[in-house]
Structures are given as C-alpha cells and as structure tokens.
Amino acid sequence: MHPTKVDRAKLKKLTDLPNIGPAGAADLELLGILRPDQLLERDPYQMYQELCQITQQQHDPCVIDVFISVVRYMQGEPARVWWDFSLERRNALRQNQES
C-alpha cells in the first residue's frame, strides 16, 4: 500500500503495510510473517538474507529498503516511501563490508 494511504487503525493484513503489495506480502509470508505485528522484533537485513536463502536467488537490495520501511513503521515511525531508506541501506552495507 502507498504510505499516504496507510491507516494504523486498519492494520490487519500484510498488504495494509506501507510499500507492501501482493508480491511483498508473498515475500514476507515466505519468511513466516503472516501478520504485521510479527515484524516488531525483526531485523530487515537478516530478513533479506533469509529471503535470498529460501528462494535461492539474490534479490534486488531495494527489498531491504522495503523491509526497513515496514519494520520501522511497526515500531512506531511514520509511514514513508521505501526509497527514503536507500541511502541508509547503502551506508550500512558499505560499513559492514569495511568491517
């Protein structure tokens, strides 16, 4: 769902989350996430790694941005478009490679 249309009071299914449509919901379901509240304690980077392992393919790194957006939303942050998190993700991955 587009972040401007999200309503916390009507958050029942995965596609009620910002930036999550049917394909994103299917990815979350592959990770065993069936309800939005199951995202509260999840790590978006770990979710991405798990998704790549389960599907046996390397997904676009922008999937991490989507995962960050929904985890943060469930932790109380405002709904934001997924690409707001792209710079953060690139910096985190670069920092991780340098470690």
Protein backbone atom coordinates (compact mmCIF):
# COMPACT_ATOMS: atom_id res chain seq x y z
CA MET A 1 0.00 0.00 0.00
CA HIS A 2 1.21 3.51 -0.71
CA PRO A 3 2.43 5.15 2.52
CA THR A 4 -0.03 8.03 2.19
CA LYS A 5 -2.95 5.57 2.33
CA VAL A 6 -1.84 3.57 5.37
CA ASP A 7 -4.09 3.67 8.43
CA ARG A 8 -2.74 2.20 11.67
CA ALA A 9 -6.30 1.64 12.90
CA LYS A 10 -6.97 -0.66 9.93
CA LEU A 11 -3.73 -2.62 10.01
CA LYS A 12 -4.88 -6.23 9.75
CA LYS A 13 -3.12 -7.87 6.83
CA LEU A 14 0.34 -7.54 5.30
CA THR A 15 -0.90 -5.54 2.32
CA ASP A 16 -2.15 -2.89 4.78
CA LEU A 17 1.51 -2.04 5.46
CA PRO A 18 3.28 0.80 3.64
CA ASN A 19 5.08 -0.30 0.47
CA ILE A 20 3.65 -3.82 0.58
CA GLY A 21 1.61 -5.20 -2.29
CA PRO A 22 0.88 -8.81 -3.18
CA ALA A 23 4.50 -9.63 -4.13
CA GLY A 24 5.91 -8.06 -0.97
CA ALA A 25 3.32 -9.87 1.13
CA ALA A 26 4.33 -13.16 -0.52
CA ASP A 27 7.98 -12.48 0.37
CA LEU A 28 7.04 -11.80 3.99
CA GLU A 29 4.96 -14.97 4.10
CA LEU A 30 7.97 -16.97 2.87
CA LEU A 31 9.73 -15.65 5.97
CA GLY A 32 6.91 -16.90 8.19
CA ILE A 33 5.48 -13.43 8.72
CA LEU A 34 1.71 -13.66 8.43
CA ARG A 35 0.65 -10.61 10.46
CA PRO A 36 2.06 -7.08 10.65
CA ASP A 37 2.80 -7.36 14.38
CA GLN A 38 5.28 -10.16 13.65
CA LEU A 39 7.63 -7.50 12.21
CA LEU A 40 8.18 -5.74 15.53
CA GLU A 41 11.37 -7.51 16.55
CA ARG A 42 12.68 -8.43 13.10
CA ASP A 43 15.95 -7.26 11.55
CA PRO A 44 15.41 -6.09 7.93
CA TYR A 45 18.92 -7.11 6.84
CA GLN A 46 18.53 -10.57 8.33
CA MET A 47 15.09 -10.86 6.70
CA TYR A 48 16.69 -10.10 3.33
CA GLN A 49 19.39 -12.74 3.83
CA GLU A 50 16.76 -15.31 4.83
CA LEU A 51 14.66 -14.47 1.77
CA CYS A 52 17.66 -14.94 -0.53
CA GLN A 53 18.43 -18.30 1.12
CA ILE A 54 14.84 -19.53 0.94
CA THR A 55 14.38 -18.58 -2.70
CA GLN A 56 17.97 -19.48 -3.63
CA GLN A 57 18.38 -16.23 -5.51
CA GLN A 58 19.86 -12.82 -4.89
CA HIS A 59 17.06 -10.26 -4.67
CA ASP A 60 17.40 -6.60 -5.50
CA PRO A 61 18.88 -4.77 -2.48
CA CYS A 62 15.89 -2.40 -2.61
CA VAL A 63 13.96 -5.22 -0.93
CA ILE A 64 15.97 -4.33 2.18
CA ASP A 65 14.60 -0.77 1.92
CA VAL A 66 11.06 -2.13 1.86
CA PHE A 67 11.80 -4.34 4.86
CA ILE A 68 13.29 -1.39 6.76
CA SER A 69 10.21 0.69 5.97
CA VAL A 70 7.74 -1.86 7.34
CA VAL A 71 9.76 -2.79 10.43
CA ARG A 72 10.21 0.88 11.34
CA TYR A 73 6.53 1.55 10.69
CA MET A 74 5.55 -1.26 13.02
CA GLN A 75 7.94 0.15 15.62
CA GLY A 76 6.01 3.42 15.56
CA GLU A 77 7.68 5.55 12.91
CA PRO A 78 5.54 7.32 10.32
CA ALA A 79 4.83 5.61 7.01
CA ARG A 80 7.46 6.55 4.42
CA VAL A 81 8.20 5.53 0.86
CA TRP A 82 10.73 2.69 0.66
CA TRP A 83 13.34 4.71 -1.23
CA ASP A 84 13.68 7.02 1.78
CA PHE A 85 15.76 4.18 3.27
CA SER A 86 18.05 3.55 0.28
CA LEU A 87 20.91 5.78 1.43
CA GLU A 88 20.76 4.31 4.93
CA ARG A 89 20.93 0.79 3.47
CA ARG A 90 23.82 1.61 1.15
CA ASN A 91 25.77 3.18 4.01
CA ALA A 92 25.07 0.23 6.33
CA LEU A 93 26.15 -2.33 3.73
CA ARG A 94 29.29 -0.33 2.91
CA GLN A 95 30.15 -0.05 6.59
CA ASN A 96 29.58 -3.78 7.05
CA GLN A 97 31.92 -4.57 4.12
CA GLU A 98 34.64 -2.37 5.61
CA SER A 99 34.44 -4.15 8.99
